[in-house]
Amino acid sequence: MNDAAPTKRQVVVAALRELVEALDQRVPHVERVAEARIARESAALHKEAADRIEELAPAKLNLRPGKATESDRMTNDDVASRGGR
């Protein structure tokens, strides 16, 4: 077994971060009839993914070098809003 191989948890967290980053980059298309519903569902999915990231990789245990992404800020804001900091 390769000790450097990512754990299942790390793979899931990486996929969730990718999803959150994609949702952060989403551009609303106001010309679409269903845009309001799509935007609500996107926001709900974003929150669920950010909450799950926090469950799997709490900020204190998940220090990453480099610039904080929007998803990191969202996750940290979610923690703060729940009284976690």
N, C-alpha and C. Protein backbone atom coordinates (compact mmCIF):
# COMPACT_ATOMS: atom_id res chain seq x y z
N MET A 1 0.85 -1.18 0.00
CA MET A 1 0.00 0.00 0.00
C MET A 1 0.89 1.24 0.00
N ASN A 2 0.51 2.24 -0.74
CA ASN A 2 1.26 3.48 -0.84
C ASN A 2 0.81 4.44 0.26
N ASP A 3 1.75 4.80 1.17
CA ASP A 3 1.40 5.68 2.29
C ASP A 3 1.01 7.08 1.82
N ALA A 4 1.45 7.47 0.62
CA ALA A 4 1.15 8.81 0.11
C ALA A 4 -0.21 8.88 -0.58
N ALA A 5 -0.85 7.75 -0.75
CA ALA A 5 -2.15 7.73 -1.42
C ALA A 5 -3.18 8.46 -0.56
N PRO A 6 -4.03 9.26 -1.20
CA PRO A 6 -5.05 9.97 -0.42
C PRO A 6 -6.06 9.00 0.18
N THR A 7 -6.56 9.36 1.35
CA THR A 7 -7.57 8.53 1.98
C THR A 7 -8.91 8.78 1.29
N LYS A 8 -9.85 7.92 1.54
CA LYS A 8 -11.19 8.08 0.97
C LYS A 8 -11.79 9.43 1.40
N ARG A 9 -11.57 9.79 2.65
CA ARG A 9 -12.08 11.06 3.17
C ARG A 9 -11.46 12.23 2.40
N GLN A 10 -10.16 12.18 2.14
CA GLN A 10 -9.49 13.25 1.40
C GLN A 10 -10.04 13.36 -0.02
N VAL A 11 -10.32 12.23 -0.64
CA VAL A 11 -10.88 12.22 -1.99
C VAL A 11 -12.26 12.87 -1.99
N VAL A 12 -13.08 12.52 -1.01
CA VAL A 12 -14.43 13.09 -0.91
C VAL A 12 -14.36 14.59 -0.65
N VAL A 13 -13.49 15.01 0.26
CA VAL A 13 -13.35 16.44 0.56
C VAL A 13 -12.89 17.20 -0.68
N ALA A 14 -11.93 16.63 -1.41
CA ALA A 14 -11.45 17.29 -2.63
C ALA A 14 -12.58 17.43 -3.65
N ALA A 15 -13.40 16.39 -3.81
CA ALA A 15 -14.52 16.45 -4.75
C ALA A 15 -15.55 17.48 -4.30
N LEU A 16 -15.82 17.53 -3.01
CA LEU A 16 -16.77 18.52 -2.49
C LEU A 16 -16.25 19.94 -2.69
N ARG A 17 -14.96 20.14 -2.46
CA ARG A 17 -14.38 21.48 -2.69
C ARG A 17 -14.49 21.87 -4.15
N GLU A 18 -14.26 20.91 -5.04
CA GLU A 18 -14.38 21.19 -6.47
C GLU A 18 -15.82 21.59 -6.81
N LEU A 19 -16.78 20.89 -6.23
CA LEU A 19 -18.18 21.22 -6.46
C LEU A 19 -18.50 22.63 -5.95
N VAL A 20 -18.06 22.95 -4.74
CA VAL A 20 -18.31 24.27 -4.17
C VAL A 20 -17.67 25.35 -5.03
N GLU A 21 -16.45 25.12 -5.48
CA GLU A 21 -15.78 26.11 -6.33
C GLU A 21 -16.54 26.31 -7.65
N ALA A 22 -17.06 25.23 -8.21
CA ALA A 22 -17.84 25.34 -9.44
C ALA A 22 -19.13 26.13 -9.18
N LEU A 23 -19.77 25.88 -8.07
CA LEU A 23 -20.99 26.62 -7.73
C LEU A 23 -20.68 28.09 -7.49
N ASP A 24 -19.51 28.38 -6.90
CA ASP A 24 -19.10 29.77 -6.69
C ASP A 24 -18.94 30.51 -8.02
N GLN A 25 -18.55 29.80 -9.06
CA GLN A 25 -18.29 30.40 -10.37
C GLN A 25 -19.53 30.46 -11.25
N ARG A 26 -20.62 29.87 -10.79
CA ARG A 26 -21.84 29.82 -11.58
C ARG A 26 -22.36 31.22 -11.88
N VAL A 27 -22.76 31.42 -13.11
CA VAL A 27 -23.29 32.70 -13.55
C VAL A 27 -24.80 32.56 -13.74
N PRO A 28 -25.59 33.38 -13.07
CA PRO A 28 -27.05 33.30 -13.25
C PRO A 28 -27.45 33.64 -14.69
N HIS A 29 -28.45 32.93 -15.17
CA HIS A 29 -29.01 33.18 -16.51
C HIS A 29 -30.45 33.63 -16.32
N VAL A 30 -30.63 34.94 -16.14
CA VAL A 30 -31.94 35.48 -15.81
C VAL A 30 -32.97 35.26 -16.92
N GLU A 31 -32.50 34.97 -18.11
CA GLU A 31 -33.44 34.74 -19.21
C GLU A 31 -34.13 33.37 -19.11
N ARG A 32 -33.61 32.50 -18.27
CA ARG A 32 -34.23 31.18 -18.09
C ARG A 32 -35.46 31.29 -17.19
N VAL A 33 -36.50 30.61 -17.58
CA VAL A 33 -37.73 30.62 -16.80
C VAL A 33 -37.50 30.04 -15.40
N ALA A 34 -36.70 29.01 -15.30
CA ALA A 34 -36.50 28.31 -14.03
C ALA A 34 -35.29 28.83 -13.24
N GLU A 35 -34.76 29.99 -13.60
CA GLU A 35 -33.52 30.47 -12.95
C GLU A 35 -33.67 30.64 -11.44
N ALA A 36 -34.78 31.12 -10.98
CA ALA A 36 -34.95 31.31 -9.53
C ALA A 36 -34.84 29.97 -8.80
N ARG A 37 -35.47 28.95 -9.35
CA ARG A 37 -35.40 27.60 -8.74
C ARG A 37 -33.98 27.06 -8.81
N ILE A 38 -33.34 27.23 -9.95
CA ILE A 38 -31.96 26.75 -10.13
C ILE A 38 -31.04 27.45 -9.12
N ALA A 39 -31.20 28.75 -8.96
CA ALA A 39 -30.36 29.50 -8.02
C ALA A 39 -30.58 29.04 -6.58
N ARG A 40 -31.84 28.79 -6.20
CA ARG A 40 -32.14 28.30 -4.85
C ARG A 40 -31.51 26.92 -4.62
N GLU A 41 -31.68 26.04 -5.60
CA GLU A 41 -31.12 24.69 -5.47
C GLU A 41 -29.60 24.71 -5.45
N SER A 42 -29.01 25.61 -6.23
CA SER A 42 -27.55 25.77 -6.24
C SER A 42 -27.06 26.23 -4.87
N ALA A 43 -27.75 27.20 -4.28
CA ALA A 43 -27.36 27.71 -2.97
C ALA A 43 -27.51 26.62 -1.90
N ALA A 44 -28.57 25.84 -1.98
CA ALA A 44 -28.77 24.76 -1.01
C ALA A 44 -27.69 23.70 -1.15
N LEU A 45 -27.36 23.35 -2.38
CA LEU A 45 -26.31 22.36 -2.63
C LEU A 45 -24.97 22.89 -2.12
N HIS A 46 -24.70 24.16 -2.36
CA HIS A 46 -23.47 24.79 -1.89
C HIS A 46 -23.36 24.67 -0.37
N LYS A 47 -24.44 24.99 0.34
CA LYS A 47 -24.43 24.91 1.79
C LYS A 47 -24.24 23.49 2.28
N GLU A 48 -24.93 22.54 1.67
CA GLU A 48 -24.79 21.14 2.07
C GLU A 48 -23.36 20.66 1.87
N ALA A 49 -22.76 21.01 0.74
CA ALA A 49 -21.38 20.59 0.45
C ALA A 49 -20.41 21.24 1.43
N ALA A 50 -20.59 22.54 1.70
CA ALA A 50 -19.70 23.24 2.65
C ALA A 50 -19.85 22.65 4.05
N ASP A 51 -21.06 22.34 4.46
CA ASP A 51 -21.28 21.72 5.77
C ASP A 51 -20.60 20.35 5.85
N ARG A 52 -20.71 19.59 4.78
CA ARG A 52 -20.10 18.25 4.76
C ARG A 52 -18.57 18.36 4.79
N ILE A 53 -18.01 19.34 4.09
CA ILE A 53 -16.57 19.55 4.14
C ILE A 53 -16.15 19.82 5.58
N GLU A 54 -16.90 20.67 6.27
CA GLU A 54 -16.58 20.99 7.66
C GLU A 54 -16.67 19.76 8.55
N GLU A 55 -17.62 18.88 8.29
CA GLU A 55 -17.74 17.65 9.08
C GLU A 55 -16.54 16.74 8.85
N LEU A 56 -16.12 16.63 7.60
CA LEU A 56 -15.04 15.71 7.24
C LEU A 56 -13.65 16.28 7.48
N ALA A 57 -13.51 17.59 7.36
CA ALA A 57 -12.20 18.22 7.47
C ALA A 57 -12.32 19.57 8.17
N PRO A 58 -12.52 19.56 9.47
CA PRO A 58 -12.64 20.83 10.19
C PRO A 58 -11.46 21.75 9.90
N ALA A 59 -11.71 23.04 9.86
CA ALA A 59 -10.69 24.03 9.49
C ALA A 59 -9.43 23.90 10.33
N LYS A 60 -9.55 23.63 11.60
CA LYS A 60 -8.38 23.51 12.46
C LYS A 60 -7.50 22.34 12.07
N LEU A 61 -8.08 21.30 11.53
CA LEU A 61 -7.33 20.11 11.14
C LEU A 61 -6.98 20.10 9.67
N ASN A 62 -7.45 21.08 8.94
CA ASN A 62 -7.31 21.05 7.50
C ASN A 62 -6.59 22.30 6.99
N LEU A 63 -5.41 22.55 7.51
CA LEU A 63 -4.64 23.71 7.08
C LEU A 63 -4.00 23.39 5.74
N ARG A 64 -4.32 24.21 4.75
CA ARG A 64 -3.77 24.01 3.41
C ARG A 64 -2.91 25.21 3.08
N PRO A 65 -1.73 24.97 2.50
CA PRO A 65 -0.93 26.11 2.08
C PRO A 65 -1.59 26.82 0.91
N GLY A 66 -1.27 28.09 0.74
CA GLY A 66 -1.79 28.81 -0.41
C GLY A 66 -2.96 29.69 -0.06
N LYS A 67 -3.51 30.27 -1.10
CA LYS A 67 -4.60 31.23 -0.96
C LYS A 67 -5.90 30.52 -0.60
N ALA A 68 -6.65 31.11 0.30
CA ALA A 68 -7.96 30.57 0.65
C ALA A 68 -8.91 30.77 -0.52
N THR A 69 -9.69 29.75 -0.79
CA THR A 69 -10.66 29.84 -1.87
C THR A 69 -11.99 30.34 -1.32
N GLU A 70 -12.89 30.67 -2.22
CA GLU A 70 -14.22 31.10 -1.80
C GLU A 70 -14.89 30.00 -0.98
N SER A 71 -14.66 28.73 -1.35
CA SER A 71 -15.28 27.63 -0.61
C SER A 71 -14.72 27.54 0.81
N ASP A 72 -13.41 27.84 0.97
CA ASP A 72 -12.84 27.86 2.31
C ASP A 72 -13.48 28.96 3.15
N ARG A 73 -13.63 30.13 2.54
CA ARG A 73 -14.25 31.24 3.27
C ARG A 73 -15.69 30.90 3.62
N MET A 74 -16.42 30.30 2.70
CA MET A 74 -17.81 29.93 2.96
C MET A 74 -17.87 28.93 4.11
N THR A 75 -17.01 27.93 4.09
CA THR A 75 -16.99 26.93 5.15
C THR A 75 -16.68 27.59 6.48
N ASN A 76 -15.68 28.45 6.51
CA ASN A 76 -15.32 29.13 7.75
C ASN A 76 -16.45 30.04 8.22
N ASP A 77 -17.12 30.73 7.31
CA ASP A 77 -18.26 31.57 7.67
C ASP A 77 -19.39 30.73 8.25
N ASP A 78 -19.61 29.54 7.65
CA ASP A 78 -20.65 28.66 8.17
C ASP A 78 -20.34 28.24 9.60
N VAL A 79 -19.07 27.93 9.87
CA VAL A 79 -18.68 27.51 11.21
C VAL A 79 -18.92 28.66 12.19
N ALA A 80 -18.49 29.85 11.80
CA ALA A 80 -18.65 31.02 12.67
C ALA A 80 -20.12 31.29 12.96
N SER A 81 -20.97 31.14 11.93
CA SER A 81 -22.38 31.44 12.12
C SER A 81 -23.07 30.43 13.04
N ARG A 82 -22.45 29.23 13.17
CA ARG A 82 -23.00 28.23 14.06
C ARG A 82 -22.35 28.27 15.44
N GLY A 83 -21.55 29.33 15.67
CA GLY A 83 -20.92 29.47 16.98
C GLY A 83 -19.68 28.61 17.14
N GLY A 84 -19.09 28.17 16.04
CA GLY A 84 -17.93 27.28 16.11
C GLY A 84 -16.63 27.99 16.37
N ARG A 85 -16.60 29.32 16.27
CA ARG A 85 -15.34 30.05 16.52
C ARG A 85 -15.60 31.21 17.43
